[in-house]
N, C-alpha and C. Protein backbone atom coordinates (compact mmCIF):
# COMPACT_ATOMS: atom_id res chain seq x y z
N MET A 1 60.35 144.15 -46.52
CA MET A 1 58.92 144.00 -47.17
C MET A 1 58.66 145.51 -47.72
N ALA A 2 58.41 146.26 -49.38
CA ALA A 2 58.40 146.92 -49.95
C ALA A 2 57.21 148.24 -49.12
N THR A 3 57.47 149.36 -48.95
CA THR A 3 56.16 150.01 -49.09
C THR A 3 56.36 150.90 -49.65
N PRO A 4 55.18 151.62 -49.78
CA PRO A 4 54.61 152.62 -50.76
C PRO A 4 55.19 154.37 -50.77
N THR A 5 55.86 154.21 -50.07
CA THR A 5 56.97 155.56 -49.29
C THR A 5 58.41 155.31 -50.50
N SER A 6 58.52 154.38 -51.05
CA SER A 6 60.14 153.83 -51.92
C SER A 6 59.86 153.63 -53.03
N LEU A 7 58.63 153.65 -53.28
CA LEU A 7 58.03 154.05 -55.42
C LEU A 7 58.59 155.25 -55.91
N PRO A 8 58.47 156.07 -56.95
CA PRO A 8 58.11 157.06 -57.21
C PRO A 8 56.58 158.16 -57.10
N ALA A 9 56.19 158.82 -56.36
CA ALA A 9 55.41 160.11 -56.09
C ALA A 9 55.07 160.19 -56.78
N THR A 10 54.92 159.59 -58.40
CA THR A 10 54.09 159.49 -60.00
C THR A 10 54.34 158.38 -60.85
N PHE A 11 54.19 158.75 -61.35
CA PHE A 11 53.68 157.56 -62.56
C PHE A 11 53.73 158.19 -63.90
N VAL A 12 54.79 158.23 -64.31
CA VAL A 12 54.29 159.11 -66.16
C VAL A 12 54.84 158.30 -67.07
N ALA A 13 53.97 158.12 -68.50
CA ALA A 13 53.45 157.49 -69.63
C ALA A 13 54.72 158.04 -69.92
N GLY A 14 55.29 156.67 -70.12
CA GLY A 14 56.46 156.53 -70.76
C GLY A 14 58.03 156.32 -70.14
N ASN A 15 57.36 156.48 -68.69
CA ASN A 15 59.02 156.39 -68.30
C ASN A 15 58.80 154.57 -67.80
N VAL A 16 60.25 154.24 -67.53
CA VAL A 16 60.40 153.04 -67.07
C VAL A 16 60.90 152.51 -65.71
N LEU A 17 60.66 152.10 -64.93
CA LEU A 17 60.38 151.41 -63.66
C LEU A 17 61.84 150.82 -63.39
N THR A 18 62.70 150.67 -62.33
CA THR A 18 64.24 150.69 -62.02
C THR A 18 63.46 149.08 -61.67
N ALA A 19 64.35 148.71 -61.70
CA ALA A 19 64.49 146.98 -60.94
C ALA A 19 63.66 146.71 -59.60
N ALA A 20 64.36 148.26 -59.22
CA ALA A 20 64.37 147.88 -57.90
C ALA A 20 62.53 149.01 -57.10
N GLU A 21 62.26 149.52 -58.22
CA GLU A 21 61.39 149.98 -58.11
C GLU A 21 59.87 149.28 -58.38
N MET A 22 60.36 147.91 -59.65
CA MET A 22 59.53 147.18 -60.28
C MET A 22 59.61 146.22 -59.00
N ASN A 23 60.83 145.42 -57.66
CA ASN A 23 59.97 144.62 -56.77
C ASN A 23 59.70 144.95 -55.46
N ASN A 24 59.93 146.70 -55.49
CA ASN A 24 59.19 146.98 -54.38
C ASN A 24 57.59 147.71 -54.11
N LEU A 25 56.86 147.19 -56.07
CA LEU A 25 55.76 147.72 -56.11
C LEU A 25 55.10 146.09 -56.05
N ARG A 26 56.53 145.41 -56.22
CA ARG A 26 55.46 144.07 -56.19
C ARG A 26 55.37 143.47 -54.60
N GLY A 27 56.33 143.97 -54.05
CA GLY A 27 56.19 144.10 -52.12
C GLY A 27 55.12 144.72 -51.86
N ALA A 28 54.36 145.83 -52.23
CA ALA A 28 53.78 147.07 -51.68
C ALA A 28 52.31 145.60 -51.57
N PHE A 29 51.52 146.35 -50.81
CA PHE A 29 49.45 146.11 -49.68
C PHE A 29 49.92 144.69 -50.92
N ARG A 30 50.16 144.05 -50.03
CA ARG A 30 49.67 142.40 -50.24
C ARG A 30 49.48 141.70 -48.83
N ILE A 31 49.06 140.72 -50.38
CA ILE A 31 47.99 139.99 -48.61
C ILE A 31 49.19 138.84 -47.70
N LEU A 32 49.40 139.18 -46.47
CA LEU A 32 50.21 138.29 -45.87
C LEU A 32 49.80 137.05 -45.24
N GLN A 33 49.01 137.17 -44.56
CA GLN A 33 48.01 135.97 -43.89
C GLN A 33 46.78 136.37 -43.56
N VAL A 34 46.32 135.08 -43.82
CA VAL A 34 44.27 134.51 -43.51
C VAL A 34 43.84 133.87 -42.48
N VAL A 35 43.68 135.04 -42.05
CA VAL A 35 42.85 133.86 -40.00
C VAL A 35 41.23 133.91 -40.58
N SER A 36 40.38 132.78 -40.09
CA SER A 36 39.11 133.37 -40.16
C SER A 36 38.48 131.77 -39.16
N THR A 37 37.70 132.47 -39.27
CA THR A 37 36.32 131.30 -38.16
C THR A 37 35.59 131.25 -38.59
N THR A 38 34.11 130.17 -38.47
CA THR A 38 33.21 129.99 -39.10
C THR A 38 32.47 129.46 -38.09
N LYS A 39 31.62 130.47 -36.82
CA LYS A 39 30.59 129.72 -36.27
C LYS A 39 29.51 129.07 -36.78
N THR A 40 29.35 127.37 -36.49
CA THR A 40 28.65 126.84 -37.00
C THR A 40 26.75 126.99 -36.33
N ASP A 41 27.64 126.66 -34.78
CA ASP A 41 26.68 126.67 -33.54
C ASP A 41 25.66 128.09 -33.66
N THR A 42 24.95 127.55 -32.76
CA THR A 42 23.77 128.74 -32.28
C THR A 42 23.76 129.91 -30.73
N PHE A 43 23.61 131.21 -30.85
CA PHE A 43 23.88 132.44 -29.67
C PHE A 43 22.68 132.48 -30.07
N SER A 44 22.45 132.96 -28.64
CA SER A 44 21.67 134.24 -28.14
C SER A 44 22.28 134.80 -26.89
N ALA A 45 21.34 136.13 -27.15
CA ALA A 45 21.65 137.44 -26.06
C ALA A 45 20.73 137.72 -26.12
N ALA A 46 19.99 138.36 -24.25
CA ALA A 46 18.67 139.13 -23.94
C ALA A 46 19.29 139.94 -23.51
N LEU A 47 19.25 141.39 -24.54
CA LEU A 47 19.36 142.23 -24.57
C LEU A 47 19.04 143.63 -24.44
N SER A 48 19.14 145.00 -24.28
CA SER A 48 18.11 146.62 -23.91
C SER A 48 18.47 147.00 -25.48
N PRO A 49 18.05 148.36 -25.28
CA PRO A 49 18.42 149.35 -26.29
C PRO A 49 19.78 149.59 -25.91
N GLY A 50 20.95 149.71 -27.13
CA GLY A 50 21.72 150.43 -26.95
C GLY A 50 22.77 149.55 -26.30
N GLY A 51 22.35 148.25 -25.52
CA GLY A 51 23.32 147.40 -25.01
C GLY A 51 24.14 146.12 -26.21
N THR A 52 25.13 145.26 -25.74
CA THR A 52 26.00 144.44 -26.47
C THR A 52 26.46 143.33 -25.82
N ALA A 53 26.66 142.39 -26.87
CA ALA A 53 27.06 140.98 -25.58
C ALA A 53 27.73 140.32 -27.75
N SER A 54 29.09 139.97 -27.27
CA SER A 54 30.06 139.33 -28.21
C SER A 54 29.60 138.13 -27.97
N ILE A 55 29.35 137.86 -29.06
CA ILE A 55 28.72 136.50 -29.33
C ILE A 55 30.32 135.52 -30.02
N THR A 56 29.59 134.27 -28.74
CA THR A 56 31.13 133.54 -28.38
C THR A 56 31.54 132.72 -29.49
N GLY A 57 32.83 132.16 -29.74
CA GLY A 57 32.88 131.45 -31.22
C GLY A 57 32.87 132.01 -32.20
N LEU A 58 32.82 133.34 -31.78
CA LEU A 58 33.25 134.08 -32.97
C LEU A 58 33.92 135.41 -33.06
N THR A 59 35.02 134.82 -32.80
CA THR A 59 36.84 135.60 -32.89
C THR A 59 38.08 135.06 -33.92
N ALA A 60 38.91 135.78 -34.68
CA ALA A 60 39.86 135.62 -34.71
C ALA A 60 40.89 136.15 -34.25
N THR A 61 42.10 135.53 -34.25
CA THR A 61 43.43 135.83 -34.02
C THR A 61 44.66 135.99 -34.64
N ILE A 62 44.79 136.84 -34.65
CA ILE A 62 46.11 137.22 -35.45
C ILE A 62 47.61 138.38 -35.18
N THR A 63 48.47 137.64 -35.67
CA THR A 63 49.81 138.43 -35.15
C THR A 63 50.80 138.73 -36.39
N PRO A 64 50.05 140.29 -36.19
CA PRO A 64 51.17 141.04 -37.40
C PRO A 64 52.54 140.94 -37.00
N THR A 65 53.03 140.94 -38.74
CA THR A 65 54.28 140.69 -38.83
C THR A 65 55.37 141.79 -38.64
N SER A 66 54.43 143.10 -38.95
CA SER A 66 55.75 144.80 -39.18
C SER A 66 53.75 145.61 -38.19
N THR A 67 54.24 146.57 -37.83
CA THR A 67 53.76 147.54 -36.58
C THR A 67 53.89 148.19 -38.40
N ASP A 68 53.38 148.01 -38.50
CA ASP A 68 52.64 149.43 -40.36
C ASP A 68 52.25 148.91 -41.05
N SER A 69 51.83 147.14 -40.73
CA SER A 69 50.04 146.75 -41.47
C SER A 69 49.59 146.95 -40.55
N LYS A 70 48.24 146.31 -41.81
CA LYS A 70 46.90 146.75 -41.38
C LYS A 70 46.64 145.50 -41.61
N VAL A 71 44.99 145.57 -40.92
CA VAL A 71 43.87 144.30 -41.01
C VAL A 71 43.21 144.68 -41.74
N PHE A 72 43.09 143.84 -42.53
CA PHE A 72 41.45 143.37 -42.91
C PHE A 72 40.44 142.85 -42.06
N ILE A 73 39.77 143.63 -41.78
CA ILE A 73 38.47 142.84 -40.66
C ILE A 73 37.25 141.99 -41.61
N ILE A 74 37.15 141.69 -42.34
CA ILE A 74 35.58 141.17 -42.39
C ILE A 74 34.08 140.39 -42.11
N VAL A 75 33.09 140.71 -42.30
CA VAL A 75 32.19 140.24 -40.88
C VAL A 75 31.16 139.53 -41.55
N ASN A 76 30.61 138.88 -41.44
CA ASN A 76 29.09 138.13 -41.64
C ASN A 76 28.42 137.37 -41.38
N ILE A 77 27.60 138.29 -40.00
CA ILE A 77 26.37 137.19 -39.00
C ILE A 77 24.90 137.04 -40.19
N HIS A 78 24.31 135.88 -39.41
CA HIS A 78 22.78 136.00 -39.66
C HIS A 78 22.39 136.04 -38.29
N SER A 79 21.15 137.28 -38.05
CA SER A 79 20.89 137.26 -37.12
C SER A 79 19.00 137.82 -37.03
N VAL A 80 18.43 137.67 -35.55
CA VAL A 80 16.65 137.75 -35.62
C VAL A 80 16.49 138.53 -34.22
N ARG A 81 16.04 139.25 -33.92
CA ARG A 81 15.28 139.22 -32.70
C ARG A 81 13.96 138.57 -32.40
N THR A 82 13.74 138.84 -31.49
CA THR A 82 12.02 137.63 -31.21
C THR A 82 11.54 138.71 -32.28
N ASN A 83 10.37 138.27 -33.37
CA ASN A 83 9.64 138.58 -34.43
C ASN A 83 9.63 140.16 -34.61
N ALA A 84 11.02 139.77 -34.80
CA ALA A 84 11.61 141.06 -35.41
C ALA A 84 13.22 140.80 -36.28
N ALA A 85 13.56 141.69 -37.69
CA ALA A 85 14.49 140.97 -38.75
C ALA A 85 14.87 142.16 -38.04
N GLU A 86 15.77 142.91 -37.48
CA GLU A 86 16.58 143.76 -36.76
C GLU A 86 17.59 143.73 -35.61
N GLY A 87 18.01 144.13 -36.66
CA GLY A 87 19.56 144.24 -35.12
C GLY A 87 21.07 145.30 -36.00
N GLY A 88 22.07 145.04 -35.30
CA GLY A 88 23.62 145.74 -35.47
C GLY A 88 24.44 144.80 -35.23
N LEU A 89 25.78 144.81 -35.99
CA LEU A 89 27.00 144.07 -35.26
C LEU A 89 27.61 145.73 -35.46
N GLN A 90 29.00 144.84 -33.75
CA GLN A 90 30.41 146.37 -34.28
C GLN A 90 31.23 145.20 -33.97
N ILE A 91 32.44 145.81 -34.71
CA ILE A 91 33.22 145.10 -34.85
C ILE A 91 34.79 145.02 -33.63
N THR A 92 35.25 143.82 -32.83
CA THR A 92 35.96 144.17 -31.56
C THR A 92 37.12 144.38 -31.43
N ARG A 93 38.33 144.81 -31.35
CA ARG A 93 39.22 145.06 -31.08
C ARG A 93 40.21 144.87 -29.34
N GLY A 94 40.56 143.21 -28.98
CA GLY A 94 40.79 143.41 -27.75
C GLY A 94 39.30 143.40 -26.89
N GLY A 95 38.47 143.72 -27.49
CA GLY A 95 37.02 143.73 -27.06
C GLY A 95 36.42 145.15 -26.38
N THR A 96 37.37 145.76 -27.62
CA THR A 96 36.42 146.74 -27.50
C THR A 96 36.33 147.05 -28.89
N SER A 97 34.71 148.33 -29.01
CA SER A 97 34.61 148.23 -30.19
C SER A 97 35.38 149.83 -31.90
N ILE A 98 35.60 148.84 -32.40
CA ILE A 98 36.35 149.25 -33.20
C ILE A 98 35.71 149.82 -34.42
N GLY A 99 35.69 150.59 -35.32
CA GLY A 99 35.43 151.12 -36.75
C GLY A 99 33.97 151.62 -36.92
N ALA A 100 34.02 151.44 -35.79
CA ALA A 100 31.89 152.31 -35.97
C ALA A 100 31.54 153.79 -36.41
N GLY A 101 30.30 154.09 -36.08
CA GLY A 101 30.40 155.08 -36.87
C GLY A 101 30.37 156.17 -35.35
N THR A 102 29.58 157.32 -35.51
CA THR A 102 30.39 158.51 -34.12
C THR A 102 28.95 158.38 -33.65
N THR A 103 29.42 158.22 -32.21
CA THR A 103 28.07 158.27 -31.43
C THR A 103 27.36 159.73 -31.28
N ALA A 104 25.93 159.93 -31.42
CA ALA A 104 25.79 161.07 -30.71
C ALA A 104 24.48 161.44 -30.55
N GLY A 105 24.58 161.13 -29.32
CA GLY A 105 23.30 161.06 -28.53
C GLY A 105 23.54 160.41 -27.99
N ASN A 106 21.48 159.80 -28.16
CA ASN A 106 21.84 158.72 -27.90
C ASN A 106 21.55 156.90 -29.53
N ARG A 107 22.09 157.91 -29.92
CA ARG A 107 23.00 157.04 -31.15
C ARG A 107 24.20 156.25 -31.10
N THR A 108 23.94 154.86 -30.93
CA THR A 108 25.29 154.70 -30.38
C THR A 108 25.96 154.61 -32.04
N GLY A 109 26.92 154.25 -32.47
CA GLY A 109 27.51 154.15 -33.46
C GLY A 109 28.13 152.49 -33.29
N VAL A 110 27.75 152.45 -35.05
CA VAL A 110 28.29 150.09 -35.45
C VAL A 110 28.71 150.66 -36.32
N VAL A 111 29.18 148.87 -36.58
CA VAL A 111 30.18 149.18 -38.53
C VAL A 111 29.05 148.90 -39.06
N SER A 112 27.76 147.77 -38.88
CA SER A 112 26.89 147.97 -38.82
C SER A 112 25.08 147.28 -38.94
N TYR A 113 24.20 148.17 -39.42
CA TYR A 113 22.33 147.96 -38.59
C TYR A 113 21.88 147.68 -40.20
N VAL A 114 20.89 146.91 -39.41
CA VAL A 114 20.23 145.92 -40.53
C VAL A 114 18.59 145.88 -40.25
N LYS A 115 17.20 146.42 -40.56
CA LYS A 115 15.89 145.95 -40.52
C LYS A 115 15.49 145.79 -41.95
N ALA A 116 14.80 144.90 -41.75
CA ALA A 116 13.84 144.19 -42.34
C ALA A 116 12.66 144.90 -43.02
N ASP A 117 11.90 145.00 -43.38
CA ASP A 117 10.53 145.03 -43.42
C ASP A 117 9.76 143.68 -42.90
N SER A 118 9.78 142.38 -42.07
CA SER A 118 9.06 141.33 -41.64
C SER A 118 9.12 141.87 -40.45
N THR A 119 8.63 140.84 -39.94
CA THR A 119 7.80 140.85 -38.64
C THR A 119 7.81 139.58 -38.15
N SER A 120 7.94 138.36 -39.37
CA SER A 120 7.42 137.16 -39.00
C SER A 120 8.96 135.93 -38.49
N ASN A 121 8.49 135.70 -37.07
CA ASN A 121 9.88 135.44 -36.69
C ASN A 121 10.33 133.74 -37.05
N ASN A 122 10.28 133.71 -38.33
CA ASN A 122 11.19 133.24 -38.68
C ASN A 122 11.77 133.94 -40.06
N SER A 123 11.77 134.97 -39.58
CA SER A 123 12.56 135.67 -41.03
C SER A 123 14.59 136.04 -40.31
N MET A 124 15.22 136.22 -41.26
CA MET A 124 16.20 135.91 -40.53
C MET A 124 17.33 137.37 -41.28
N MET A 125 17.89 137.58 -41.38
CA MET A 125 19.09 138.70 -42.10
C MET A 125 20.13 138.78 -42.13
N ALA A 126 21.34 138.38 -43.06
CA ALA A 126 22.60 138.88 -43.47
C ALA A 126 23.13 140.58 -42.64
N ILE A 127 24.20 140.97 -42.01
CA ILE A 127 24.58 141.53 -41.91
C ILE A 127 25.85 141.69 -41.69
N THR A 128 26.84 142.47 -42.97
CA THR A 128 27.86 142.36 -43.39
C THR A 128 28.86 143.79 -42.95
N GLY A 129 30.05 143.39 -42.25
CA GLY A 129 30.83 144.77 -41.88
C GLY A 129 31.48 144.43 -42.47
N MET A 130 32.77 145.33 -42.61
CA MET A 130 34.24 146.11 -42.53
C MET A 130 34.90 146.82 -42.43
N TYR A 131 36.04 146.69 -41.59
CA TYR A 131 37.15 147.92 -41.25
C TYR A 131 38.37 147.78 -41.90
N LEU A 132 38.95 148.20 -42.11
CA LEU A 132 40.46 148.65 -41.46
C LEU A 132 41.01 149.08 -40.89
N ASP A 133 41.91 147.98 -39.90
CA ASP A 133 42.46 148.52 -38.59
C ASP A 133 43.96 148.62 -39.36
N SER A 134 44.30 149.64 -38.37
CA SER A 134 45.86 150.06 -37.83
C SER A 134 46.56 150.00 -36.53
N PRO A 135 46.32 148.32 -36.20
CA PRO A 135 46.66 147.83 -34.93
C PRO A 135 48.02 148.46 -34.23
N ALA A 136 48.64 148.62 -35.11
CA ALA A 136 50.49 149.96 -34.99
C ALA A 136 51.09 148.07 -33.52
N THR A 137 51.01 146.73 -34.26
CA THR A 137 51.53 146.38 -33.37
C THR A 137 52.16 144.70 -34.25
N THR A 138 52.92 143.30 -33.09
CA THR A 138 52.99 143.07 -33.70
C THR A 138 53.30 141.75 -32.36
N SER A 139 52.03 142.09 -31.89
CA SER A 139 51.37 141.47 -30.60
C SER A 139 50.45 140.36 -30.95
N ALA A 140 50.14 139.29 -30.69
CA ALA A 140 49.02 138.73 -31.29
C ALA A 140 47.30 139.60 -30.80
N THR A 141 46.45 139.97 -32.08
CA THR A 141 45.95 140.52 -31.40
C THR A 141 44.48 139.75 -31.91
N THR A 142 43.99 139.58 -30.97
CA THR A 142 42.29 139.12 -31.14
C THR A 142 40.67 139.82 -31.62
N TYR A 143 40.49 140.05 -32.35
CA TYR A 143 38.83 140.22 -33.49
C TYR A 143 37.71 139.52 -33.13
N GLY A 144 36.55 140.27 -32.84
CA GLY A 144 35.56 139.55 -31.93
C GLY A 144 34.23 140.45 -32.67
N VAL A 145 33.61 139.82 -32.39
CA VAL A 145 32.08 141.01 -33.15
C VAL A 145 30.85 140.77 -31.86
N ASP A 146 30.14 141.81 -32.42
CA ASP A 146 29.47 141.90 -30.35
C ASP A 146 27.93 142.14 -31.90
N LEU A 147 26.93 141.48 -30.98
CA LEU A 147 25.76 142.15 -31.64
C LEU A 147 25.42 143.21 -31.08
N TYR A 148 24.69 144.22 -31.54
CA TYR A 148 23.91 145.51 -30.78
C TYR A 148 22.37 145.08 -30.99
N ALA A 149 21.57 145.65 -29.89
CA ALA A 149 20.56 145.88 -29.43
C ALA A 149 19.72 147.24 -30.34
N VAL A 150 18.44 147.03 -30.53
CA VAL A 150 17.75 148.69 -30.66
C VAL A 150 16.28 148.75 -30.10
N ALA A 151 16.50 147.34 -29.18
CA ALA A 151 14.86 147.37 -28.27
C ALA A 151 15.21 145.71 -27.47
N THR A 152 14.93 145.85 -26.73
CA THR A 152 14.64 144.73 -25.33
C THR A 152 14.07 143.79 -26.28
N ASP A 153 14.78 143.06 -25.77
CA ASP A 153 14.12 141.38 -26.97
C ASP A 153 15.64 141.00 -27.04
N THR A 154 15.30 139.26 -26.66
CA THR A 154 16.04 137.90 -27.35
C THR A 154 16.72 138.07 -28.39
N TYR A 155 18.13 137.62 -28.82
CA TYR A 155 18.81 138.46 -29.79
C TYR A 155 19.59 137.17 -30.02
N TYR A 156 19.20 136.53 -32.24
CA TYR A 156 19.64 135.11 -32.25
C TYR A 156 20.49 134.66 -32.81
N VAL A 157 21.83 134.35 -33.21
CA VAL A 157 22.57 133.91 -34.05
C VAL A 157 22.44 132.58 -34.77
N ASN A 158 22.50 132.84 -36.09
CA ASN A 158 22.48 131.14 -36.81
C ASN A 158 21.69 129.96 -36.76
N ARG A 159 20.16 131.05 -36.46
CA ARG A 159 18.60 130.41 -36.32
C ARG A 159 17.55 131.80 -36.11
N THR A 160 16.34 130.64 -36.53
CA THR A 160 15.40 132.02 -36.67
C THR A 160 14.90 132.05 -35.45
N ASP A 161 14.58 133.55 -34.64
CA ASP A 161 13.32 133.49 -33.31
C ASP A 161 12.46 131.69 -33.37
N VAL A 162 11.70 131.09 -34.18
CA VAL A 162 10.57 130.20 -33.97
C VAL A 162 12.02 128.94 -33.63
N ASP A 163 12.87 128.20 -34.17
CA ASP A 163 13.77 127.49 -34.46
C ASP A 163 12.81 126.29 -34.07
N SER A 164 11.73 126.08 -34.78
CA SER A 164 11.96 124.45 -34.67
C SER A 164 12.20 124.12 -35.84
N ASP A 165 12.28 121.83 -35.61
CA ASP A 165 12.38 121.61 -36.32
C ASP A 165 11.47 121.80 -37.41
N SER A 166 11.83 122.71 -38.42
CA SER A 166 11.22 122.92 -39.53
C SER A 166 12.55 123.33 -40.98
N SER A 167 11.35 122.58 -41.99
CA SER A 167 12.66 123.24 -43.05
C SER A 167 12.45 124.85 -43.37
N ALA A 168 11.39 125.14 -42.76
CA ALA A 168 10.59 126.81 -43.00
C ALA A 168 11.65 127.71 -41.72
N ASN A 169 12.34 126.09 -41.20
CA ASN A 169 13.29 127.59 -40.00
C ASN A 169 15.17 126.29 -39.95
N PRO A 170 15.49 127.22 -41.77
CA PRO A 170 16.89 126.87 -41.47
C PRO A 170 18.10 127.16 -40.70
N ARG A 171 19.09 126.27 -40.40
CA ARG A 171 20.08 127.23 -39.43
C ARG A 171 20.97 127.74 -40.68
N GLN A 172 22.01 128.92 -40.12
CA GLN A 172 22.93 129.35 -40.64
C GLN A 172 23.85 129.03 -39.88
N GLN A 173 25.02 130.01 -40.47
CA GLN A 173 26.80 130.01 -40.14
C GLN A 173 27.15 131.47 -40.09
N SER A 174 27.37 131.72 -39.32
CA SER A 174 28.28 133.46 -39.62
C SER A 174 30.30 132.95 -39.33
N THR A 175 30.30 134.21 -40.32
CA THR A 175 32.17 134.05 -39.91
C THR A 175 32.88 135.43 -39.95
N ILE A 176 34.02 135.11 -39.08
CA ILE A 176 35.36 136.32 -38.96
C ILE A 176 36.03 135.82 -39.80
N THR A 177 36.41 137.03 -40.76
CA THR A 177 37.98 137.26 -41.34
C THR A 177 39.19 137.66 -41.13
N VAL A 178 40.36 137.48 -40.65
CA VAL A 178 41.10 138.97 -40.36
C VAL A 178 42.73 138.53 -41.30
N MET A 179 42.72 139.78 -42.17
CA MET A 179 43.39 139.65 -43.46
C MET A 179 44.68 140.59 -43.01
N GLU A 180 45.76 140.68 -43.03
CA GLU A 180 46.84 141.14 -41.70
C GLU A 180 47.80 141.89 -43.92
N VAL A 181 47.29 142.64 -44.07
CA VAL A 181 47.83 143.66 -44.92
C VAL A 181 49.24 144.59 -45.23
N SER A 182 49.94 144.23 -45.95
CA SER A 182 51.37 144.95 -45.55
C SER A 182 51.77 146.22 -46.13
N ALA A 183 52.16 147.36 -45.21
CA ALA A 183 52.31 148.77 -46.12
C ALA A 183 52.09 149.08 -46.91
């Protein structure tokens, strides 16, 4: 697989690439494999401020083909806490948070955080996060998603707080997709 370092440092108008350079360009920055998991059942966790809970059934394991490969992670969860639409997510590699903002004082770094202005117990929000990881391994690597709490409360995934049998309380799905990107 070609790497960008085997390509010319700059491209100048009018220059013609050699066949080898064209092949290198064709091989650079390709998606080599994709692994995705969709969670359709529900999840809940009672959390305190700053607490996290790993969302069961929402992991994806990928085995990079090269230590130079990157792994692009895309997460989309549907979450709510009791009577409020707010919460955050962290992306994990092997159970350790990655790609989060810098922690400062009591402010924990997260990948994404959403707060809606609604206090309805029928509210639901989509929380999306992305990160380009450099795992530097060819071993199987598991990525996951942790809920992040801003208040002492019960947090739900793929359902509203009330979750009564009504069209006003739809059920959602959440996904994690990981893609190996060639160096």
